[in-house]
């Protein structure tokens, strides 16, 4: 097995394992946190434009 093949195999295994151990709620929480961060950054940008 080459290094590239091992890397591809590891990446696939890791993603599946995370999905199996954490489930849907884990990904929903991450998505919610990311959305809140984007909302805050947009508000900060608009506040700076207004000054």
N, C-alpha and C. Protein backbone atom coordinates (compact mmCIF):
# COMPACT_ATOMS: atom_id res chain seq x y z
N UNK A 1 0.85 -1.17 0.00
CA UNK A 1 0.00 0.00 0.00
C UNK A 1 0.90 1.24 0.00
N UNK A 2 0.56 2.19 -0.87
CA UNK A 2 1.35 3.41 -0.93
C UNK A 2 0.88 4.39 0.14
N UNK A 3 1.66 5.44 0.35
CA UNK A 3 1.29 6.46 1.33
C UNK A 3 -0.01 7.13 0.92
N UNK A 4 -0.16 7.42 -0.37
CA UNK A 4 -1.38 8.07 -0.86
C UNK A 4 -2.61 7.18 -0.63
N UNK A 5 -2.47 5.89 -0.88
CA UNK A 5 -3.58 4.96 -0.66
C UNK A 5 -3.95 4.91 0.83
N UNK A 6 -2.94 4.88 1.68
CA UNK A 6 -3.20 4.83 3.13
C UNK A 6 -3.91 6.10 3.58
N UNK A 7 -3.52 7.24 3.03
CA UNK A 7 -4.16 8.50 3.39
C UNK A 7 -5.62 8.54 2.99
N UNK A 8 -5.91 8.06 1.79
CA UNK A 8 -7.31 8.03 1.34
C UNK A 8 -8.14 7.09 2.21
N UNK A 9 -7.59 5.95 2.54
CA UNK A 9 -8.29 4.98 3.37
C UNK A 9 -8.56 5.56 4.76
N UNK A 10 -7.58 6.20 5.35
CA UNK A 10 -7.73 6.79 6.67
C UNK A 10 -8.79 7.87 6.69
N UNK A 11 -8.83 8.70 5.66
CA UNK A 11 -9.82 9.77 5.61
C UNK A 11 -11.23 9.25 5.52
N UNK A 12 -11.45 8.22 4.75
CA UNK A 12 -12.78 7.65 4.61
C UNK A 12 -13.21 7.00 5.92
N UNK A 13 -12.31 6.28 6.53
CA UNK A 13 -12.63 5.60 7.78
C UNK A 13 -12.95 6.62 8.88
N UNK A 14 -12.16 7.69 8.94
CA UNK A 14 -12.36 8.70 9.97
C UNK A 14 -13.72 9.38 9.86
N UNK A 15 -14.13 9.74 8.66
CA UNK A 15 -15.42 10.39 8.48
C UNK A 15 -16.58 9.48 8.86
N UNK A 16 -16.51 8.26 8.47
CA UNK A 16 -17.57 7.30 8.81
C UNK A 16 -17.63 7.05 10.31
N UNK A 17 -16.47 6.93 10.91
CA UNK A 17 -16.41 6.65 12.35
C UNK A 17 -17.01 7.81 13.14
N UNK A 18 -16.71 9.04 12.74
CA UNK A 18 -17.27 10.21 13.41
C UNK A 18 -18.78 10.21 13.29
N UNK A 19 -19.29 9.93 12.12
CA UNK A 19 -20.74 9.89 11.90
C UNK A 19 -21.39 8.80 12.75
N UNK A 20 -20.73 7.67 12.86
CA UNK A 20 -21.29 6.57 13.65
C UNK A 20 -21.30 6.88 15.15
N UNK A 21 -20.25 7.51 15.63
CA UNK A 21 -20.14 7.73 17.07
C UNK A 21 -20.91 8.96 17.55
N UNK A 22 -21.03 9.98 16.71
CA UNK A 22 -21.66 11.22 17.16
C UNK A 22 -23.10 11.39 16.68
N UNK A 23 -23.42 10.92 15.52
CA UNK A 23 -24.79 11.00 15.03
C UNK A 23 -25.17 12.36 14.47
N UNK A 24 -26.42 12.46 14.09
CA UNK A 24 -26.94 13.64 13.41
C UNK A 24 -26.90 14.90 14.28
N UNK A 25 -27.21 14.76 15.57
CA UNK A 25 -27.27 15.91 16.46
C UNK A 25 -25.93 16.64 16.51
N UNK A 26 -24.85 15.90 16.46
CA UNK A 26 -23.50 16.47 16.48
C UNK A 26 -23.31 17.41 15.30
N UNK A 27 -23.69 16.98 14.13
CA UNK A 27 -23.53 17.80 12.93
C UNK A 27 -24.49 18.98 12.93
N UNK A 28 -25.69 18.80 13.46
CA UNK A 28 -26.64 19.90 13.56
C UNK A 28 -26.11 20.99 14.49
N UNK A 29 -25.51 20.58 15.59
CA UNK A 29 -24.95 21.56 16.53
C UNK A 29 -23.80 22.33 15.92
N UNK A 30 -22.93 21.65 15.20
CA UNK A 30 -21.82 22.31 14.53
C UNK A 30 -22.35 23.31 13.51
N UNK A 31 -23.34 22.91 12.74
CA UNK A 31 -23.92 23.79 11.74
C UNK A 31 -24.56 25.02 12.37
N UNK A 32 -25.23 24.82 13.49
CA UNK A 32 -25.87 25.94 14.19
C UNK A 32 -24.81 26.93 14.70
N UNK A 33 -23.75 26.41 15.30
CA UNK A 33 -22.68 27.27 15.80
C UNK A 33 -22.05 28.06 14.65
N UNK A 34 -21.83 27.41 13.53
CA UNK A 34 -21.25 28.10 12.38
C UNK A 34 -22.17 29.18 11.86
N UNK A 35 -23.46 28.91 11.82
CA UNK A 35 -24.42 29.90 11.36
C UNK A 35 -24.48 31.11 12.28
N UNK A 36 -24.39 30.87 13.58
CA UNK A 36 -24.40 31.97 14.54
C UNK A 36 -23.16 32.84 14.37
N UNK A 37 -22.03 32.22 14.11
CA UNK A 37 -20.77 32.96 13.91
C UNK A 37 -20.88 33.84 12.67
N UNK A 38 -21.43 33.29 11.59
CA UNK A 38 -21.59 34.07 10.36
C UNK A 38 -22.53 35.24 10.60
N UNK A 39 -23.62 35.00 11.30
CA UNK A 39 -24.58 36.07 11.59
C UNK A 39 -23.89 37.20 12.37
N UNK A 40 -23.11 36.84 13.38
CA UNK A 40 -22.41 37.84 14.18
C UNK A 40 -21.41 38.63 13.34
N UNK A 41 -20.68 37.96 12.47
CA UNK A 41 -19.70 38.64 11.63
C UNK A 41 -20.38 39.60 10.66
N UNK A 42 -21.52 39.21 10.12
CA UNK A 42 -22.26 40.10 9.22
C UNK A 42 -22.74 41.34 9.97
N UNK A 43 -23.26 41.14 11.17
CA UNK A 43 -23.72 42.28 11.96
C UNK A 43 -22.57 43.22 12.29
N UNK A 44 -21.43 42.67 12.63
CA UNK A 44 -20.26 43.51 12.93
C UNK A 44 -19.82 44.29 11.70
N UNK A 45 -19.85 43.65 10.54
CA UNK A 45 -19.47 44.33 9.30
C UNK A 45 -20.43 45.47 8.96
N UNK A 46 -21.72 45.23 9.14
CA UNK A 46 -22.70 46.28 8.88
C UNK A 46 -22.54 47.44 9.85
N UNK A 47 -22.22 47.13 11.11
CA UNK A 47 -22.02 48.19 12.11
C UNK A 47 -20.82 49.05 11.74
N UNK A 48 -19.78 48.44 11.23
CA UNK A 48 -18.59 49.20 10.83
C UNK A 48 -18.86 50.07 9.62
N UNK A 49 -19.68 49.61 8.69
CA UNK A 49 -20.02 50.40 7.51
C UNK A 49 -20.82 51.63 7.89
N UNK A 50 -21.64 51.50 8.91
CA UNK A 50 -22.51 52.58 9.34
C UNK A 50 -21.76 53.70 10.06
N UNK A 51 -20.57 53.45 10.54
CA UNK A 51 -19.82 54.45 11.30
C UNK A 51 -19.15 55.46 10.42
